[in-house]
C-alpha atoms as a PDB file:
ATOM      1  CA  MET A   1       0.788   3.894  42.556  1.00  0.00           C
ATOM      2  CA  ARG A   2       2.886   3.244  45.934  1.00  0.00           C
ATOM      3  CA  LYS A   3       5.217   1.878  43.628  1.00  0.00           C
ATOM      4  CA  LYS A   4       5.256   4.437  40.916  1.00  0.00           C
ATOM      5  CA  PHE A   5       5.986   7.009  43.257  1.00  0.00           C
ATOM      6  CA  LEU A   6       9.024   5.233  44.844  1.00  0.00           C
ATOM      7  CA  SER A   7      10.783   4.490  41.454  1.00  0.00           C
ATOM      8  CA  LEU A   8       9.799   8.176  40.452  1.00  0.00           C
ATOM      9  CA  ALA A   9      11.661   8.761  43.483  1.00  0.00           C
ATOM     10  CA  LEU A  10      14.381   5.962  42.790  1.00  0.00           C
ATOM     11  CA  VAL A  11      15.127   7.517  39.176  1.00  0.00           C
ATOM     12  CA  ALA A  12      15.118  11.541  40.756  1.00  0.00           C
ATOM     13  CA  VAL A  13      17.955  10.451  43.482  1.00  0.00           C
ATOM     14  CA  LEU A  14      19.909   8.405  40.724  1.00  0.00           C
ATOM     15  CA  CYS A  15      19.547  11.504  38.228  1.00  0.00           C
ATOM     16  CA  LEU A  16      20.817  14.168  41.073  1.00  0.00           C
ATOM     17  CA  SER A  17      23.622  11.844  41.806  1.00  0.00           C
ATOM     18  CA  MET A  18      24.540  11.855  38.503  1.00  0.00           C
ATOM     19  CA  ALA A  19      24.465  15.584  38.181  1.00  0.00           C
ATOM     20  CA  VAL A  20      26.366  16.335  40.827  1.00  0.00           C
ATOM     21  CA  PRO A  21      30.596  16.395  39.580  1.00  0.00           C
ATOM     22  CA  ALA A  22      32.697  14.212  41.606  1.00  0.00           C
ATOM     23  CA  VAL A  23      35.070  15.687  44.058  1.00  0.00           C
ATOM     24  CA  ALA A  24      38.483  14.759  43.622  1.00  0.00           C
ATOM     25  CA  ALA A  25      40.988  14.907  46.094  1.00  0.00           C
ATOM     26  CA  SER A  26      42.732  18.115  46.183  1.00  0.00           C
ATOM     27  CA  PRO A  27      46.413  17.197  45.887  1.00  0.00           C
ATOM     28  CA  PRO A  28      48.914  18.146  49.276  1.00  0.00           C
ATOM     29  CA  SER A  29      49.745  21.304  50.033  1.00  0.00           C
ATOM     30  CA  GLU A  30      53.621  21.866  50.655  1.00  0.00           C
ATOM     31  CA  LEU A  31      52.825  22.639  54.190  1.00  0.00           C
ATOM     32  CA  GLU A  32      51.377  19.310  54.228  1.00  0.00           C
ATOM     33  CA  MET A  33      54.363  17.603  52.064  1.00  0.00           C
ATOM     34  CA  ALA A  34      57.143  18.983  54.390  1.00  0.00           C
ATOM     35  CA  ALA A  35      55.084  17.495  57.359  1.00  0.00           C
ATOM     36  CA  ALA A  36      55.556  14.777  56.221  1.00  0.00           C
ATOM     37  CA  TYR A  37      59.073  14.630  55.197  1.00  0.00           C
ATOM     38  CA  VAL A  38      60.242  16.123  58.348  1.00  0.00           C
ATOM     39  CA  ARG A  39      57.897  13.587  60.146  1.00  0.00           C
ATOM     40  CA  GLU A  40      59.429  10.697  58.016  1.00  0.00           C
ATOM     41  CA  GLN A  41      63.418  11.554  58.688  1.00  0.00           C
ATOM     42  CA  GLY A  42      63.228  11.643  62.027  1.00  0.00           C
ATOM     43  CA  ILE A  43      63.695  16.154  62.336  1.00  0.00           C
ATOM     44  CA  MET A  44      60.149  16.982  63.884  1.00  0.00           C
ATOM     45  CA  THR A  45      58.590  14.402  66.249  1.00  0.00           C
ATOM     46  CA  GLY A  46      55.190  16.389  67.590  1.00  0.00           C
ATOM     47  CA  ASP A  47      54.139  16.825  71.046  1.00  0.00           C
ATOM     48  CA  GLN A  48      53.249  14.355  73.145  1.00  0.00           C
ATOM     49  CA  ASN A  49      49.586  13.890  70.487  1.00  0.00           C
ATOM     50  CA  GLY A  50      52.123  13.397  67.598  1.00  0.00           C
ATOM     51  CA  ASN A  51      51.082  17.346  66.683  1.00  0.00           C
ATOM     52  CA  LEU A  52      53.785  18.885  65.090  1.00  0.00           C
ATOM     53  CA  ASN A  53      52.328  22.084  66.040  1.00  0.00           C
ATOM     54  CA  LEU A  54      53.287  24.029  62.705  1.00  0.00           C
ATOM     55  CA  ASP A  55      51.594  27.531  63.462  1.00  0.00           C
ATOM     56  CA  ALA A  56      53.928  27.533  66.552  1.00  0.00           C
ATOM     57  CA  GLY A  57      57.054  29.852  66.762  1.00  0.00           C
ATOM     58  CA  LEU A  58      60.416  27.497  67.229  1.00  0.00           C
ATOM     59  CA  ASN A  59      62.792  28.341  69.245  1.00  0.00           C
ATOM     60  CA  ARG A  60      66.716  28.157  69.258  1.00  0.00           C
ATOM     61  CA  ALA A  61      67.088  25.710  71.638  1.00  0.00           C
ATOM     62  CA  GLU A  62      64.688  23.768  69.352  1.00  0.00           C
ATOM     63  CA  LEU A  63      66.657  24.752  66.537  1.00  0.00           C
ATOM     64  CA  ALA A  64      69.395  23.152  67.868  1.00  0.00           C
ATOM     65  CA  VAL A  65      67.639  19.719  68.322  1.00  0.00           C
ATOM     66  CA  LEU A  66      66.220  20.233  64.658  1.00  0.00           C
ATOM     67  CA  LEU A  67      69.802  20.487  63.407  1.00  0.00           C
ATOM     68  CA  THR A  68      71.196  17.690  65.294  1.00  0.00           C
ATOM     69  CA  ARG A  69      68.626  15.251  63.474  1.00  0.00           C
ATOM     70  CA  LEU A  70      68.735  17.144  60.199  1.00  0.00           C
ATOM     71  CA  ARG A  71      72.796  15.969  61.034  1.00  0.00           C
ATOM     72  CA  ASN A  72      71.426  12.188  61.997  1.00  0.00           C
ATOM     73  CA  GLY A  73      73.932  13.463  64.933  1.00  0.00           C
ATOM     74  CA  THR A  74      71.884  11.980  67.274  1.00  0.00           C
ATOM     75  CA  GLU A  75      73.773   8.845  67.721  1.00  0.00           C
ATOM     76  CA  GLU A  76      77.097  10.163  67.668  1.00  0.00           C
ATOM     77  CA  LEU A  77      75.469  12.645  70.468  1.00  0.00           C
ATOM     78  CA  PHE A  78      74.321  10.136  72.821  1.00  0.00           C
ATOM     79  CA  ALA A  79      78.436   8.236  72.540  1.00  0.00           C
ATOM     80  CA  ASN A  80      80.262  11.481  72.758  1.00  0.00           C
ATOM     81  CA  THR A  81      77.992  12.496  75.740  1.00  0.00           C
ATOM     82  CA  GLY A  82      80.745  14.402  77.420  1.00  0.00           C
ATOM     83  CA  TYR A  83      82.646  15.942  74.844  1.00  0.00           C
ATOM     84  CA  TYR A  84      79.403  17.539  73.293  1.00  0.00           C
ATOM     85  CA  GLU A  85      78.117  18.903  76.709  1.00  0.00           C
ATOM     86  CA  GLN A  86      81.587  20.644  77.118  1.00  0.00           C
ATOM     87  CA  GLY A  87      80.921  22.593  73.747  1.00  0.00           C
ATOM     88  CA  CYS A  88      77.636  24.053  75.553  1.00  0.00           C
ATOM     89  CA  LYS A  89      79.450  26.810  78.015  1.00  0.00           C
ATOM     90  CA  PHE A  90      76.295  29.376  77.805  1.00  0.00           C
ATOM     91  CA  THR A  91      74.707  29.912  81.648  1.00  0.00           C
ATOM     92  CA  ASP A  92      71.021  30.277  79.491  1.00  0.00           C
ATOM     93  CA  VAL A  93      70.695  26.716  77.803  1.00  0.00           C
ATOM     94  CA  PRO A  94      68.272  24.367  79.412  1.00  0.00           C
ATOM     95  CA  ALA A  95      69.744  20.830  80.856  1.00  0.00           C
ATOM     96  CA  TRP A  96      67.616  19.266  78.258  1.00  0.00           C
ATOM     97  CA  ALA A  97      69.173  20.831  75.133  1.00  0.00           C
ATOM     98  CA  LYS A  98      72.656  21.399  75.827  1.00  0.00           C
ATOM     99  CA  LEU A  99      73.565  18.151  74.212  1.00  0.00           C
ATOM    100  CA  PHE A 100      72.140  19.320  71.194  1.00  0.00           C
ATOM    101  CA  VAL A 101      73.571  23.264  71.217  1.00  0.00           C
ATOM    102  CA  GLY A 102      76.684  21.780  72.159  1.00  0.00           C
ATOM    103  CA  TYR A 103      76.822  19.688  69.151  1.00  0.00           C
ATOM    104  CA  CYS A 104      75.424  22.463  66.693  1.00  0.00           C
ATOM    105  CA  VAL A 105      78.530  24.998  68.350  1.00  0.00           C
ATOM    106  CA  ARG A 106      81.281  21.826  68.218  1.00  0.00           C
ATOM    107  CA  ASN A 107      79.887  21.412  64.312  1.00  0.00           C
ATOM    108  CA  ASN A 108      79.860  25.213  63.839  1.00  0.00           C
ATOM    109  CA  LEU A 109      76.349  25.547  63.230  1.00  0.00           C
ATOM    110  CA  VAL A 110      75.000  27.507  65.931  1.00  0.00           C
ATOM    111  CA  ALA A 111      76.719  30.753  67.894  1.00  0.00           C
ATOM    112  CA  GLY A 112      75.652  32.094  70.976  1.00  0.00           C
ATOM    113  CA  TYR A 113      75.197  36.130  71.419  1.00  0.00           C
ATOM    114  CA  ASP A 114      78.402  36.229  73.411  1.00  0.00           C
ATOM    115  CA  THR A 115      80.726  33.662  75.062  1.00  0.00           C
ATOM    116  CA  LEU A 116      77.715  32.684  78.023  1.00  0.00           C
ATOM    117  CA  ARG A 117      74.254  33.641  76.085  1.00  0.00           C
ATOM    118  CA  TYR A 118      72.760  31.254  73.412  1.00  0.00           C
ATOM    119  CA  GLY A 119      69.480  32.427  73.916  1.00  0.00           C
ATOM    120  CA  ALA A 120      68.021  29.242  74.021  1.00  0.00           C
ATOM    121  CA  SER A 121      64.094  30.119  74.254  1.00  0.00           C
ATOM    122  CA  ASP A 122      64.210  33.337  71.939  1.00  0.00           C
ATOM    123  CA  PRO A 123      62.403  33.384  68.419  1.00  0.00           C
ATOM    124  CA  VAL A 124      64.475  31.670  65.253  1.00  0.00           C
ATOM    125  CA  ASN A 125      64.592  34.540  63.185  1.00  0.00           C
ATOM    126  CA  PRO A 126      64.461  33.767  59.664  1.00  0.00           C
ATOM    127  CA  ALA A 127      68.546  34.768  58.922  1.00  0.00           C
ATOM    128  CA  ALA A 128      69.203  32.678  61.629  1.00  0.00           C
ATOM    129  CA  ALA A 129      67.096  29.502  60.329  1.00  0.00           C
ATOM    130  CA  CYS A 130      68.453  30.140  56.615  1.00  0.00           C
ATOM    131  CA  THR A 131      72.254  30.254  58.043  1.00  0.00           C
ATOM    132  CA  VAL A 132      71.846  27.023  59.652  1.00  0.00           C
ATOM    133  CA  ILE A 133      70.621  25.297  56.736  1.00  0.00           C
ATOM    134  CA  LEU A 134      72.843  26.995  54.637  1.00  0.00           C
ATOM    135  CA  ARG A 135      75.779  25.566  56.574  1.00  0.00           C
ATOM    136  CA  VAL A 136      74.321  22.200  57.374  1.00  0.00           C
ATOM    137  CA  CYS A 137      74.017  22.346  53.477  1.00  0.00           C
ATOM    138  CA  GLY A 138      77.484  22.993  53.558  1.00  0.00           C
ATOM    139  CA  VAL A 139      77.610  25.704  52.071  1.00  0.00           C
ATOM    140  CA  ALA A 140      80.353  28.225  53.767  1.00  0.00           C
ATOM    141  CA  ASP A 141      80.014  31.355  55.115  1.00  0.00           C
ATOM    142  CA  GLY A 142      82.402  33.694  56.531  1.00  0.00           C
ATOM    143  CA  GLU A 143      84.714  35.953  54.662  1.00  0.00           C
ATOM    144  CA  GLY A 144      85.079  35.684  50.557  1.00  0.00           C
ATOM    145  CA  SER A 145      81.972  33.692  50.857  1.00  0.00           C
ATOM    146  CA  ILE A 146      78.994  34.186  48.502  1.00  0.00           C
ATOM    147  CA  TRP A 147      76.476  35.226  51.697  1.00  0.00           C
ATOM    148  CA  ASN A 148      76.699  35.951  55.173  1.00  0.00           C
ATOM    149  CA  TYR A 149      74.249  36.285  57.930  1.00  0.00           C
ATOM    150  CA  ASN A 150      73.193  39.602  56.491  1.00  0.00           C
ATOM    151  CA  THR A 151      72.815  37.893  53.017  1.00  0.00           C
ATOM    152  CA  ALA A 152      71.497  34.236  54.377  1.00  0.00           C
ATOM    153  CA  CYS A 153      67.524  35.309  53.526  1.00  0.00           C
ATOM    154  CA  SER A 154      68.222  36.612  49.815  1.00  0.00           C
ATOM    155  CA  TYR A 155      70.251  33.870  49.466  1.00  0.00           C
ATOM    156  CA  ALA A 156      68.299  31.295  50.551  1.00  0.00           C
ATOM    157  CA  ALA A 157      64.984  33.082  48.689  1.00  0.00           C
ATOM    158  CA  GLY A 158      67.307  33.045  45.899  1.00  0.00           C
ATOM    159  CA  LEU A 159      67.414  29.486  45.846  1.00  0.00           C
ATOM    160  CA  GLY A 160      64.029  28.860  46.157  1.00  0.00           C
ATOM    161  CA  TRP A 161      64.538  27.588  50.257  1.00  0.00           C
ATOM    162  CA  ILE A 162      62.279  30.525  51.727  1.00  0.00           C
ATOM    163  CA  ASP A 163      59.269  32.506  50.750  1.00  0.00           C
ATOM    164  CA  GLU A 164      59.355  36.365  51.044  1.00  0.00           C
ATOM    165  CA  SER A 165      56.348  36.453  53.734  1.00  0.00           C
ATOM    166  CA  ALA A 166      58.749  34.260  55.914  1.00  0.00           C
ATOM    167  CA  VAL A 167      61.432  36.268  55.181  1.00  0.00           C
ATOM    168  CA  GLN A 168      59.349  39.160  56.243  1.00  0.00           C
ATOM    169  CA  ALA A 169      58.450  37.938  59.347  1.00  0.00           C
ATOM    170  CA  LYS A 170      59.764  38.403  62.331  1.00  0.00           C
ATOM    171  CA  ALA A 171      60.154  35.313  63.829  1.00  0.00           C
ATOM    172  CA  ILE A 172      60.113  31.333  62.133  1.00  0.00           C
ATOM    173  CA  THR A 173      57.685  28.923  62.724  1.00  0.00           C
ATOM    174  CA  ARG A 174      57.283  25.009  63.293  1.00  0.00           C
ATOM    175  CA  GLY A 175      55.738  25.112  59.485  1.00  0.00           C
ATOM    176  CA  ASP A 176      58.143  27.360  58.058  1.00  0.00           C
ATOM    177  CA  MET A 177      61.091  25.448  59.174  1.00  0.00           C
ATOM    178  CA  ALA A 178      59.454  22.281  58.016  1.00  0.00           C
ATOM    179  CA  ILE A 179      59.229  24.148  54.556  1.00  0.00           C
ATOM    180  CA  LEU A 180      62.895  25.553  53.684  1.00  0.00           C
ATOM    181  CA  ILE A 181      64.482  21.978  54.943  1.00  0.00           C
ATOM    182  CA  TYR A 182      61.520  20.367  52.985  1.00  0.00           C
ATOM    183  CA  ARG A 183      62.871  22.513  49.782  1.00  0.00           C
ATOM    184  CA  ALA A 184      66.695  22.765  51.255  1.00  0.00           C
ATOM    185  CA  PHE A 185      67.031  18.907  51.290  1.00  0.00           C
ATOM    186  CA  ALA A 186      63.951  16.769  49.779  1.00  0.00           C
ATOM    187  CA  GLU A 187      64.631  18.414  46.501  1.00  0.00           C
ATOM    188  CA  PRO A 188      68.081  20.058  46.720  1.00  0.00           C
ATOM    189  CA  GLN A 189      68.725  22.140  43.772  1.00  0.00           C
ATOM    190  CA  GLN A 190      72.506  22.972  42.692  1.00  0.00           C
ATOM    191  CA  VAL A 191      74.302  25.781  44.983  1.00  0.00           C
ATOM    192  CA  THR A 192      77.304  27.393  43.477  1.00  0.00           C
ATOM    193  CA  THR A 193      80.471  28.026  45.850  1.00  0.00           C
ATOM    194  CA  PRO A 194      82.776  30.237  45.382  1.00  0.00           C
ATOM    195  CA  GLN A 195      85.796  29.366  43.021  1.00  0.00           C
END
């Protein structure tokens, strides 16, 4: 009787296991793919625990670090520290960020609010994020160009680099920036320039 009960219980368990469909692993989200890309490329390294803090905001000093890494400028930066330190004339940039901001200024990637104020601790807004990524991609801005600071978001959105939700936000998160970089560099699209 006991053997019969165990056999029936085993048959029931086997039948139930066949009735439950196998759960397939879902493909990674775009945010997960973007995070993996920026980590693999050394663009974002994370905090002391390796956490990229993708939901956190991004400030303008941190943006300068990302842009320098994105341009593979770190080696050049440390080989020419005096030159890049002199490129950062802003009084509100912390010591740790001066080289990075100087690199970005010298390479025409960023500008300050005026000659003395960069806004190092200010959050990065969507227009600034799109502007610098377009500049890193070599899409010229200024007089006669196809975009400017005021149209950078719509131009980047037209390229598929930024979503409307990120454009409408007051500030860019680290995750938004990872996706913007991923879309612009991992799968670059044809960028048109004026003739």
